[in-house]
Amino acid sequence: MQEQIKINGHTLIELGFMPDKWFQEAIDHINSNQLNKEAMLTYLEQFEAPPMIELHQEVVPFAINIRGENDLEKQNVASVIATMTELMKTPTVVNGAIMPDACPTGGIGTIPVGGIVVTKNAIHPGLHSADICCSLMLTDCGKVEPKEVLDAAFASTHFGPGGRDRASQFRFPTELLTAFEGNSYLRDKQMIKIARAQLGTQGDGNHFLYVGQSKKTGNTMIVTHHGSRAVGARLYTHGMKKAERYRRRLSKDTLKQNAWIPFDTEDGQEYWAALQIIRNWTKQNHTVIHDAALAKIGVTAKNRFWNEHNFVFKQGDLFYHAKGATPLDQSFMPDITGPRLIPLNMSEPILIVEGETTATNLGFAPHGAGRNLSRTQHRKSKADQTIEAIFEEETQGLDVRFFSNEIDITELPSAYKNAKTVRNQMEEFGLGNVIDEILPYGCIMAGNWQKNAPWKVRKRQRLAAKTNK
């Protein structure tokens, strides 16, 4: 008679199993039934991982909706194609495309900005990245002076790190709180605390609040651009950890940044639900900022619509991962209320577009102008000019404000691709039709908030105190 054994999680790991939800059930079953080694191994056969899924032997073809028109752009396009080529070897991938605003964002095989990757039965957190549901909302304010709107918006919004203090927080909708509490990825108290504090905030980087006037009607419009802030970033982190567990079990040859969560698992279903909750939070984030500005000037919205450009969209068992790409296909947006928004830079009109799905656009348009140079490279290219001179030259005639009172030259127009080129290539490749334009009056951005970040100010004060002793 074989000796009965008592096991724990370490026993299963030593047998070659990856930690999983079934561990406790299996441990309890083996120990309570006093299985011997032979019986235990027979029982554990049901939990053995399937054979590793290999990378595609041939790169899945992808549509190239971009063309370099000078040496710098050609170099950028070559980098984008190289990283997409590697990415398209991922086993779950079935289709893809790149947009005219495409630019690399990481190591080879990392989805570029302006990339669309279609996968089957798989959600890849790395393909939507940390800024989940980065999006735009437009509110038509009617016949109101743009300066009045921009002043009210500056007093209502919040840029920079962190969130609002308790006294200035917006009401957190009960239905959103219930949704957070009901999802395993979102229910922890710290996540909910952050979601409360950051409601009505826009972060930093390329996020903005833009005021302009419709070319068609002359009405003044507010357009905001931001994502899901820290709550989205935390969900992304949870998702990447979960996806990595599956990658090690299913496809070790897949690059870590392209790991996936199978949709037909409990983890996949919960993650998909969490993405929709974060989407709703982000939409509410836009809404409270717009409503607060309107309340200050005593007007009501004439019209409002929005779209994300950094999300995952589902059609049957296919998942369209858009990293900086604007959805054109109406099926991608269940709450569609109007056309789509594509900003270019602070000195250019925001485009209002509609369009049809084609075999090469996969139901998407660009999300903006993109970059040919990194922020660091752009700063170096302007090293012979003062920040003030660059600002004056590039914002002439505009009311541009930085929330931190520090200019960020990496968000000025020269930091982005040529807007005319992007528009021309939209037309050339069939990537949406412009039906109106919001002509710029001015905008608000975070600016270089790090220059006078609280911890840096304290450090300077400590150094000054030591010097004066």
Protein backbone atom coordinates (compact mmCIF):
# COMPACT_ATOMS: atom_id res chain seq x y z
CA MET A 1 0.00 0.00 0.00
CA GLN A 2 1.41 3.38 -0.97
CA GLU A 3 1.90 5.94 1.75
CA GLN A 4 -0.75 8.64 2.05
CA ILE A 5 0.68 12.15 1.82
CA LYS A 6 -0.28 15.62 2.95
CA ILE A 7 0.40 18.43 0.49
CA ASN A 8 0.42 22.22 0.26
CA GLY A 9 0.90 24.81 -2.46
CA HIS A 10 4.66 24.26 -2.54
CA THR A 11 4.04 20.62 -3.40
CA LEU A 12 2.03 21.59 -6.48
CA ILE A 13 4.64 24.14 -7.57
CA GLU A 14 7.40 21.50 -7.22
CA LEU A 15 5.31 19.25 -9.48
CA GLY A 16 5.48 21.98 -12.14
CA PHE A 17 2.11 23.71 -11.71
CA MET A 18 1.77 27.49 -11.82
CA PRO A 19 -0.09 29.02 -8.83
CA ASP A 20 -3.76 29.29 -9.71
CA LYS A 21 -7.25 29.57 -8.23
CA TRP A 22 -7.75 25.80 -8.28
CA PHE A 23 -4.81 25.22 -5.89
CA GLN A 24 -6.84 25.43 -2.69
CA GLU A 25 -9.60 23.20 -4.01
CA ALA A 26 -7.06 20.58 -5.11
CA ILE A 27 -5.12 20.74 -1.84
CA ASP A 28 -8.31 20.29 0.18
CA HIS A 29 -9.44 17.38 -2.02
CA ILE A 30 -6.10 15.53 -1.87
CA ASN A 31 -5.66 16.00 1.87
CA SER A 32 -9.25 15.33 2.91
CA ASN A 33 -9.43 12.17 0.78
CA GLN A 34 -5.96 11.08 1.93
CA LEU A 35 -4.86 10.32 -1.62
CA ASN A 36 -1.62 8.42 -2.11
CA LYS A 37 0.94 9.69 -4.60
CA GLU A 38 -0.38 7.69 -7.55
CA ALA A 39 -3.97 8.74 -6.92
CA MET A 40 -2.88 12.34 -6.42
CA LEU A 41 -1.05 12.46 -9.75
CA THR A 42 -4.05 10.93 -11.52
CA TYR A 43 -6.31 13.55 -9.94
CA LEU A 44 -3.96 16.39 -10.92
CA GLU A 45 -3.93 15.41 -14.60
CA GLN A 46 -7.05 17.54 -15.13
CA PHE A 47 -5.08 20.66 -14.18
CA GLU A 48 -2.11 20.09 -16.47
CA ALA A 49 -1.46 23.02 -18.75
CA PRO A 50 -2.02 22.56 -22.47
CA PRO A 51 1.03 22.58 -24.79
CA MET A 52 2.68 25.95 -25.25
CA ILE A 53 1.16 28.06 -28.02
CA GLU A 54 3.80 28.97 -30.58
CA LEU A 55 4.25 32.34 -32.24
CA HIS A 56 2.93 32.75 -35.78
CA GLN A 57 5.52 31.39 -38.18
CA GLU A 58 4.56 34.08 -40.67
CA VAL A 59 3.82 37.66 -39.69
CA VAL A 60 0.10 38.45 -39.80
CA PRO A 61 -0.34 41.14 -42.49
CA PHE A 62 -1.30 44.63 -41.33
CA ALA A 63 -2.47 47.74 -43.18
CA ILE A 64 -0.01 50.63 -43.43
CA ASN A 65 -1.99 53.89 -43.56
CA ILE A 66 1.05 56.14 -43.30
CA ARG A 67 3.76 57.48 -45.59
CA GLY A 68 6.94 59.32 -44.64
CA GLU A 69 7.38 62.57 -46.56
CA ASN A 70 10.87 63.49 -45.35
CA ASP A 71 13.87 61.72 -43.87
CA LEU A 72 12.71 62.14 -40.27
CA GLU A 73 9.22 60.85 -41.04
CA LYS A 74 10.62 57.94 -43.07
CA GLN A 75 12.80 56.94 -40.12
CA ASN A 76 9.76 57.13 -37.83
CA VAL A 77 7.65 55.01 -40.20
CA ALA A 78 10.39 52.40 -40.48
CA SER A 79 10.52 52.11 -36.66
CA VAL A 80 6.75 51.77 -36.46
CA ILE A 81 6.66 49.05 -39.11
CA ALA A 82 9.51 47.17 -37.41
CA THR A 83 7.79 47.10 -34.02
CA MET A 84 4.42 46.17 -35.55
CA THR A 85 6.04 43.36 -37.55
CA GLU A 86 7.34 41.79 -34.35
CA LEU A 87 4.03 42.33 -32.55
CA MET A 88 2.06 40.63 -35.35
CA LYS A 89 3.79 37.31 -34.56
CA THR A 90 1.78 37.08 -31.29
CA PRO A 91 -0.36 33.90 -31.43
CA THR A 92 -3.71 35.57 -30.74
CA VAL A 93 -3.32 38.26 -33.43
CA VAL A 94 -5.46 38.07 -36.58
CA ASN A 95 -5.27 41.58 -38.07
CA GLY A 96 -3.80 45.04 -37.59
CA ALA A 97 -3.24 48.53 -38.95
CA ILE A 98 -1.23 51.68 -38.34
CA MET A 99 -2.46 55.26 -38.71
CA PRO A 100 -0.79 58.43 -40.11
CA ASP A 101 0.00 59.66 -36.58
CA ALA A 102 1.86 56.46 -35.64
CA CYS A 103 5.05 56.67 -33.58
CA PRO A 104 7.02 54.13 -31.50
CA THR A 105 6.51 54.02 -27.73
CA GLY A 106 8.86 51.32 -26.46
CA GLY A 107 11.05 48.38 -27.34
CA ILE A 108 10.64 46.29 -30.47
CA GLY A 109 7.31 44.48 -30.47
CA THR A 110 5.56 47.15 -28.37
CA ILE A 111 2.39 48.52 -29.94
CA PRO A 112 3.03 52.00 -31.34
CA VAL A 113 0.81 54.99 -30.82
CA GLY A 114 -1.52 54.92 -33.81
CA GLY A 115 -1.61 51.13 -33.82
CA ILE A 116 -4.65 48.83 -34.03
CA VAL A 117 -4.22 45.15 -33.24
CA VAL A 118 -7.08 42.66 -33.58
CA THR A 119 -6.94 39.47 -31.49
CA LYS A 120 -9.19 36.47 -31.13
CA ASN A 121 -10.69 35.63 -27.72
CA ALA A 122 -7.93 37.55 -25.94
CA ILE A 123 -7.55 40.87 -24.11
CA HIS A 124 -4.00 42.24 -24.07
CA PRO A 125 -3.56 44.91 -21.37
CA GLY A 126 -0.26 45.99 -22.92
CA LEU A 127 -2.04 46.84 -26.17
CA HIS A 128 -4.29 49.44 -24.55
CA SER A 129 -1.52 50.57 -22.15
CA ALA A 130 -1.81 52.35 -18.80
CA ASP A 131 -3.81 55.34 -20.05
CA ILE A 132 -7.01 53.33 -20.41
CA CYS A 133 -9.81 55.15 -22.22
CA CYS A 134 -7.83 58.27 -23.09
CA SER A 135 -10.64 60.20 -24.73
CA LEU A 136 -12.21 63.49 -25.80
CA MET A 137 -15.51 65.17 -24.96
CA LEU A 138 -17.07 68.17 -26.71
CA THR A 139 -19.73 70.47 -25.29
CA ASP A 140 -21.42 73.11 -27.44
CA CYS A 141 -21.84 76.21 -25.24
CA GLY A 142 -23.74 78.26 -27.80
CA LYS A 143 -23.11 81.95 -28.46
CA VAL A 144 -20.79 82.67 -25.54
CA GLU A 145 -17.49 84.56 -25.64
CA PRO A 146 -14.59 82.05 -25.76
CA LYS A 147 -12.62 83.95 -23.10
CA GLU A 148 -15.53 83.70 -20.68
CA VAL A 149 -15.65 79.96 -21.25
CA LEU A 150 -11.89 79.51 -20.90
CA ASP A 151 -11.85 81.55 -17.66
CA ALA A 152 -14.68 79.42 -16.22
CA ALA A 153 -12.97 76.23 -17.32
CA PHE A 154 -9.65 77.27 -15.76
CA ALA A 155 -11.46 77.79 -12.46
CA SER A 156 -13.22 74.42 -12.74
CA THR A 157 -10.65 71.93 -13.96
CA HIS A 158 -7.59 70.42 -12.26
CA PHE A 159 -4.27 69.45 -13.85
CA GLY A 160 -1.14 67.93 -12.41
CA PRO A 161 -0.50 64.98 -10.07
CA GLY A 162 -2.88 63.68 -7.42
CA GLY A 163 -6.50 64.63 -7.04
CA ARG A 164 -8.86 67.05 -5.36
CA ASP A 165 -9.07 67.61 -1.61
CA ARG A 166 -12.25 66.55 0.15
CA ALA A 167 -13.72 70.05 0.04
CA SER A 168 -13.50 70.32 -3.75
CA GLN A 169 -14.39 66.77 -4.78
CA PHE A 170 -17.32 66.08 -7.08
CA ARG A 171 -20.11 63.71 -6.06
CA PHE A 172 -19.21 60.12 -6.87
CA PRO A 173 -22.28 58.52 -8.50
CA THR A 174 -23.79 55.67 -6.51
CA GLU A 175 -24.02 53.42 -9.57
CA LEU A 176 -20.29 53.87 -10.20
CA LEU A 177 -19.43 53.06 -6.59
CA THR A 178 -21.57 49.92 -6.77
CA ALA A 179 -19.81 48.89 -9.98
CA PHE A 180 -16.34 49.39 -8.45
CA GLU A 181 -17.30 47.42 -5.35
CA GLY A 182 -18.66 44.57 -7.45
CA ASN A 183 -15.53 43.99 -9.54
CA SER A 184 -12.57 41.98 -8.30
CA TYR A 185 -10.05 44.23 -10.06
CA LEU A 186 -11.51 47.50 -8.74
CA ARG A 187 -13.05 46.88 -5.34
CA ASP A 188 -10.10 47.60 -3.02
CA LYS A 189 -10.53 50.67 -0.80
CA GLN A 190 -7.46 52.49 -2.12
CA MET A 191 -8.69 52.19 -5.70
CA ILE A 192 -12.07 53.66 -4.75
CA LYS A 193 -10.44 56.42 -2.69
CA ILE A 194 -8.36 57.42 -5.73
CA ALA A 195 -11.40 57.26 -8.02
CA ARG A 196 -13.22 59.70 -5.74
CA ALA A 197 -10.30 62.13 -5.42
CA GLN A 198 -9.38 62.18 -9.10
CA LEU A 199 -12.88 62.65 -10.49
CA GLY A 200 -12.77 66.00 -12.27
CA THR A 201 -9.00 65.97 -12.89
CA GLN A 202 -7.02 65.80 -16.13
CA GLY A 203 -3.48 64.77 -15.22
CA ASP A 204 -0.58 66.02 -17.30
CA GLY A 205 1.33 65.24 -20.51
CA ASN A 206 -0.65 65.92 -23.68
CA HIS A 207 -4.00 66.18 -21.91
CA PHE A 208 -5.77 69.49 -22.40
CA LEU A 209 -8.88 71.64 -22.13
CA TYR A 210 -9.42 73.43 -25.44
CA VAL A 211 -11.84 76.24 -26.22
CA GLY A 212 -12.70 77.21 -29.78
CA GLN A 213 -15.50 78.01 -32.16
CA SER A 214 -17.29 75.84 -34.70
CA LYS A 215 -16.39 76.76 -38.27
CA LYS A 216 -19.97 75.94 -39.29
CA THR A 217 -22.02 77.61 -36.54
CA GLY A 218 -19.69 79.99 -34.72
CA ASN A 219 -20.75 78.45 -31.42
CA THR A 220 -18.15 78.23 -28.67
CA MET A 221 -17.04 74.71 -27.78
CA ILE A 222 -15.20 73.11 -24.87
CA VAL A 223 -13.15 70.02 -25.71
CA THR A 224 -11.36 68.05 -22.99
CA HIS A 225 -8.72 65.36 -23.51
CA HIS A 226 -7.66 62.95 -20.77
CA GLY A 227 -7.89 59.34 -19.69
CA SER A 228 -8.67 57.37 -16.56
CA ARG A 229 -5.81 58.73 -14.47
CA ALA A 230 -4.48 56.55 -11.62
CA VAL A 231 -7.51 54.26 -11.48
CA GLY A 232 -6.88 53.18 -15.07
CA ALA A 233 -3.16 52.83 -14.43
CA ARG A 234 -3.82 50.60 -11.43
CA LEU A 235 -6.22 48.41 -13.42
CA TYR A 236 -3.57 48.14 -16.15
CA THR A 237 -1.00 47.01 -13.57
CA HIS A 238 -3.38 44.34 -12.24
CA GLY A 239 -4.16 43.25 -15.79
CA MET A 240 -0.52 42.95 -16.79
CA LYS A 241 0.23 40.79 -13.75
CA LYS A 242 -2.71 38.53 -14.55
CA ALA A 243 -1.75 38.35 -18.23
CA GLU A 244 1.83 37.42 -17.33
CA ARG A 245 0.56 34.38 -15.39
CA TYR A 246 -1.25 33.22 -18.50
CA ARG A 247 1.75 33.97 -20.72
CA ARG A 248 4.04 31.74 -18.65
CA ARG A 249 1.46 28.98 -18.80
CA LEU A 250 0.32 29.37 -22.42
CA SER A 251 2.99 31.05 -24.54
CA LYS A 252 6.42 31.71 -23.07
CA ASP A 253 7.72 32.87 -26.45
CA THR A 254 5.26 35.77 -26.49
CA LEU A 255 6.85 39.07 -25.46
CA LYS A 256 5.92 40.09 -21.91
CA GLN A 257 4.36 43.35 -23.09
CA ASN A 258 2.06 41.35 -25.37
CA ALA A 259 0.78 38.87 -22.78
CA TRP A 260 -2.96 38.27 -22.77
CA ILE A 261 -5.91 37.24 -20.61
CA PRO A 262 -8.14 34.69 -22.38
CA PHE A 263 -11.62 36.20 -22.59
CA ASP A 264 -13.34 32.85 -21.98
CA THR A 265 -11.97 32.68 -18.42
CA GLU A 266 -13.34 34.20 -15.25
CA ASP A 267 -10.32 36.51 -15.21
CA GLY A 268 -11.05 37.62 -18.76
CA GLN A 269 -14.73 38.28 -18.10
CA GLU A 270 -13.92 40.30 -14.97
CA TYR A 271 -11.23 42.30 -16.74
CA TRP A 272 -13.57 43.13 -19.61
CA ALA A 273 -16.19 44.28 -17.08
CA ALA A 274 -13.54 46.37 -15.28
CA LEU A 275 -12.62 48.09 -18.55
CA GLN A 276 -16.26 49.12 -19.05
CA ILE A 277 -16.44 50.51 -15.51
CA ILE A 278 -13.26 52.52 -16.06
CA ARG A 279 -14.74 53.76 -19.32
CA ASN A 280 -17.83 55.00 -17.45
CA TRP A 281 -15.65 56.64 -14.79
CA THR A 282 -13.64 58.46 -17.47
CA LYS A 283 -16.77 59.68 -19.23
CA GLN A 284 -18.04 60.99 -15.89
CA ASN A 285 -14.65 62.66 -15.35
CA HIS A 286 -15.11 64.67 -18.54
CA THR A 287 -18.73 65.40 -17.75
CA VAL A 288 -18.22 66.97 -14.31
CA ILE A 289 -15.53 69.32 -15.65
CA HIS A 290 -17.76 70.49 -18.51
CA ASP A 291 -20.81 70.89 -16.27
CA ALA A 292 -18.87 72.87 -13.67
CA ALA A 293 -17.61 75.32 -16.31
CA LEU A 294 -21.10 75.75 -17.77
CA ALA A 295 -22.55 76.35 -14.32
CA LYS A 296 -20.08 79.20 -13.72
CA ILE A 297 -21.23 81.05 -16.83
CA GLY A 298 -24.89 80.13 -16.40
CA VAL A 299 -25.50 78.33 -19.70
CA THR A 300 -26.71 74.86 -20.64
CA ALA A 301 -25.14 72.53 -23.17
CA LYS A 302 -26.54 72.77 -26.70
CA ASN A 303 -24.94 69.45 -27.66
CA ARG A 304 -22.38 67.01 -26.30
CA PHE A 305 -20.56 63.97 -27.61
CA TRP A 306 -17.38 62.04 -26.90
CA ASN A 307 -15.15 59.21 -28.01
CA GLU A 308 -12.22 57.30 -26.61
CA HIS A 309 -9.11 56.59 -28.68
CA ASN A 310 -7.20 54.31 -26.34
CA PHE A 311 -9.32 51.27 -25.56
CA VAL A 312 -10.38 47.75 -26.49
CA PHE A 313 -13.46 47.25 -28.65
CA LYS A 314 -15.30 43.96 -29.10
CA GLN A 315 -17.01 42.40 -32.14
CA GLY A 316 -18.00 38.80 -31.48
CA ASP A 317 -14.88 36.95 -30.39
CA LEU A 318 -12.56 39.60 -31.89
CA PHE A 319 -10.97 42.32 -29.73
CA TYR A 320 -9.80 45.51 -31.43
CA HIS A 321 -7.01 47.05 -29.35
CA ALA A 322 -6.60 50.71 -30.29
CA LYS A 323 -3.51 52.42 -28.93
CA GLY A 324 -4.18 55.99 -29.98
CA ALA A 325 -6.73 55.41 -32.76
CA THR A 326 -10.20 56.92 -33.08
CA PRO A 327 -13.11 54.51 -33.63
CA LEU A 328 -15.19 55.22 -36.71
CA ASP A 329 -17.33 52.09 -36.67
CA GLN A 330 -20.54 52.76 -34.71
CA SER A 331 -20.57 49.24 -33.27
CA PHE A 332 -17.45 50.10 -31.26
CA MET A 333 -19.31 52.74 -29.20
CA PRO A 334 -22.58 51.59 -27.61
CA ASP A 335 -23.40 55.10 -26.34
CA ILE A 336 -22.57 56.96 -29.55
CA THR A 337 -24.14 60.43 -29.58
CA GLY A 338 -22.39 62.14 -32.45
CA PRO A 339 -19.36 62.25 -34.72
CA ARG A 340 -15.73 61.78 -33.59
CA LEU A 341 -13.07 64.20 -32.39
CA ILE A 342 -9.48 64.35 -33.64
CA PRO A 343 -7.18 67.04 -32.19
CA LEU A 344 -3.94 67.98 -33.96
CA ASN A 345 -2.15 70.58 -31.79
CA MET A 346 -3.12 73.65 -29.78
CA SER A 347 -2.77 76.00 -32.78
CA GLU A 348 -4.79 73.82 -35.17
CA PRO A 349 -8.52 73.11 -35.42
CA ILE A 350 -9.95 70.05 -33.71
CA LEU A 351 -11.48 67.94 -36.46
CA ILE A 352 -15.02 66.60 -36.23
CA VAL A 353 -15.19 63.50 -38.40
CA GLU A 354 -17.39 60.68 -39.58
CA GLY A 355 -16.40 57.69 -41.66
CA GLU A 356 -16.96 54.16 -42.87
CA THR A 357 -15.14 50.94 -42.01
CA THR A 358 -12.86 49.60 -44.73
CA ALA A 359 -10.56 46.62 -45.06
CA THR A 360 -7.55 48.83 -44.43
CA ASN A 361 -8.77 51.21 -41.71
CA LEU A 362 -10.46 48.39 -39.70
CA GLY A 363 -13.03 50.92 -38.49
CA PHE A 364 -10.55 53.53 -37.17
CA ALA A 365 -9.05 56.95 -37.88
CA PRO A 366 -6.01 58.72 -36.39
CA HIS A 367 -6.27 60.12 -32.87
CA GLY A 368 -4.17 63.25 -33.44
CA ALA A 369 -0.91 64.39 -34.92
CA GLY A 370 1.56 62.09 -33.15
CA ARG A 371 5.28 62.81 -32.80
CA ASN A 372 8.40 62.30 -34.88
CA LEU A 373 10.71 63.16 -31.97
CA SER A 374 10.64 62.16 -28.32
CA ARG A 375 10.17 64.91 -25.73
CA THR A 376 13.89 64.84 -24.92
CA GLN A 377 14.87 65.06 -28.58
CA HIS A 378 12.46 67.94 -29.10
CA ARG A 379 13.93 69.88 -26.17
CA LYS A 380 17.43 69.38 -27.60
CA SER A 381 16.27 70.63 -31.00
CA LYS A 382 15.17 73.90 -29.34
CA ALA A 383 18.20 74.34 -27.10
CA ASP A 384 19.32 77.50 -28.91
CA GLN A 385 16.13 79.38 -27.94
CA THR A 386 14.67 80.44 -24.61
CA ILE A 387 11.47 78.81 -23.42
CA GLU A 388 9.73 82.18 -23.45
CA ALA A 389 10.76 82.89 -27.05
CA ILE A 390 9.55 79.49 -28.23
CA PHE A 391 6.24 79.99 -26.45
CA GLU A 392 5.70 83.46 -27.89
CA GLU A 393 6.48 82.32 -31.42
CA GLU A 394 4.29 79.20 -31.39
CA THR A 395 1.22 80.50 -29.52
CA GLN A 396 0.83 83.89 -31.19
CA GLY A 397 -2.82 84.90 -31.27
CA LEU A 398 -3.86 82.15 -28.85
CA ASP A 399 -4.79 82.21 -25.16
CA VAL A 400 -2.63 79.34 -23.92
CA ARG A 401 -2.42 78.70 -20.18
CA PHE A 402 -0.40 76.23 -18.17
CA PHE A 403 -2.04 75.17 -14.92
CA SER A 404 1.33 74.94 -13.17
CA ASN A 405 2.37 78.38 -14.49
CA GLU A 406 5.40 76.70 -16.06
CA ILE A 407 5.64 76.37 -19.86
CA ASP A 408 6.08 72.88 -21.30
CA ILE A 409 7.63 73.31 -24.75
CA THR A 410 7.13 69.59 -25.53
CA GLU A 411 3.40 70.32 -25.87
CA LEU A 412 3.76 73.28 -28.21
CA PRO A 413 2.86 72.81 -31.91
CA SER A 414 6.42 72.10 -33.10
CA ALA A 415 6.57 69.01 -30.87
CA TYR A 416 4.01 67.27 -33.10
CA LYS A 417 3.87 65.97 -36.62
CA ASN A 418 2.82 68.33 -39.37
CA ALA A 419 -0.95 68.67 -39.09
CA LYS A 420 -1.42 69.20 -42.82
CA THR A 421 0.40 65.93 -43.53
CA VAL A 422 -1.87 64.01 -41.16
CA ARG A 423 -4.99 65.52 -42.74
CA ASN A 424 -3.78 64.77 -46.25
CA GLN A 425 -3.05 61.16 -45.34
CA MET A 426 -6.45 60.80 -43.67
CA GLU A 427 -7.97 61.64 -47.05
CA GLU A 428 -5.47 59.55 -49.01
CA PHE A 429 -6.07 56.38 -46.97
CA GLY A 430 -9.82 56.81 -46.34
CA LEU A 431 -9.63 57.51 -42.63
CA GLY A 432 -12.70 59.63 -41.98
CA ASN A 433 -14.36 62.69 -43.48
CA VAL A 434 -14.08 66.10 -41.81
CA ILE A 435 -17.60 67.53 -41.32
CA ASP A 436 -16.69 70.51 -39.11
CA GLU A 437 -13.71 72.10 -37.39
CA ILE A 438 -13.32 73.73 -33.99
CA LEU A 439 -11.14 76.76 -34.65
CA PRO A 440 -8.75 77.46 -31.76
CA TYR A 441 -9.18 80.29 -29.26
CA GLY A 442 -7.01 78.90 -26.47
CA CYS A 443 -6.31 75.96 -24.21
CA ILE A 444 -5.19 74.86 -20.76
CA MET A 445 -2.56 72.19 -20.11
CA ALA A 446 -0.69 70.99 -17.04
CA GLY A 447 2.62 72.49 -18.12
CA ASN A 448 5.92 71.61 -16.51
CA TRP A 449 4.46 70.95 -13.06
CA GLN A 450 7.57 68.99 -12.05
CA LYS A 451 9.70 72.15 -12.02
CA ASN A 452 7.96 73.38 -8.90
CA ALA A 453 6.60 70.08 -7.61
CA PRO A 454 6.07 70.24 -3.81
CA TRP A 455 8.94 67.86 -3.07
CA LYS A 456 11.31 69.88 -5.24
CA VAL A 457 10.27 73.12 -3.55
CA ARG A 458 10.88 71.55 -0.13
CA LYS A 459 14.29 70.30 -1.27
CA ARG A 460 15.27 73.76 -2.48
CA GLN A 461 14.08 75.26 0.81
CA ARG A 462 16.15 72.78 2.82
CA LEU A 463 19.24 73.53 0.74
CA ALA A 464 18.67 77.29 1.10
CA ALA A 465 18.27 76.89 4.86
CA LYS A 466 21.58 75.01 5.10
CA THR A 467 23.34 77.62 2.95
CA ASN A 468 22.07 80.47 5.14
CA LYS A 469 23.25 78.89 8.40
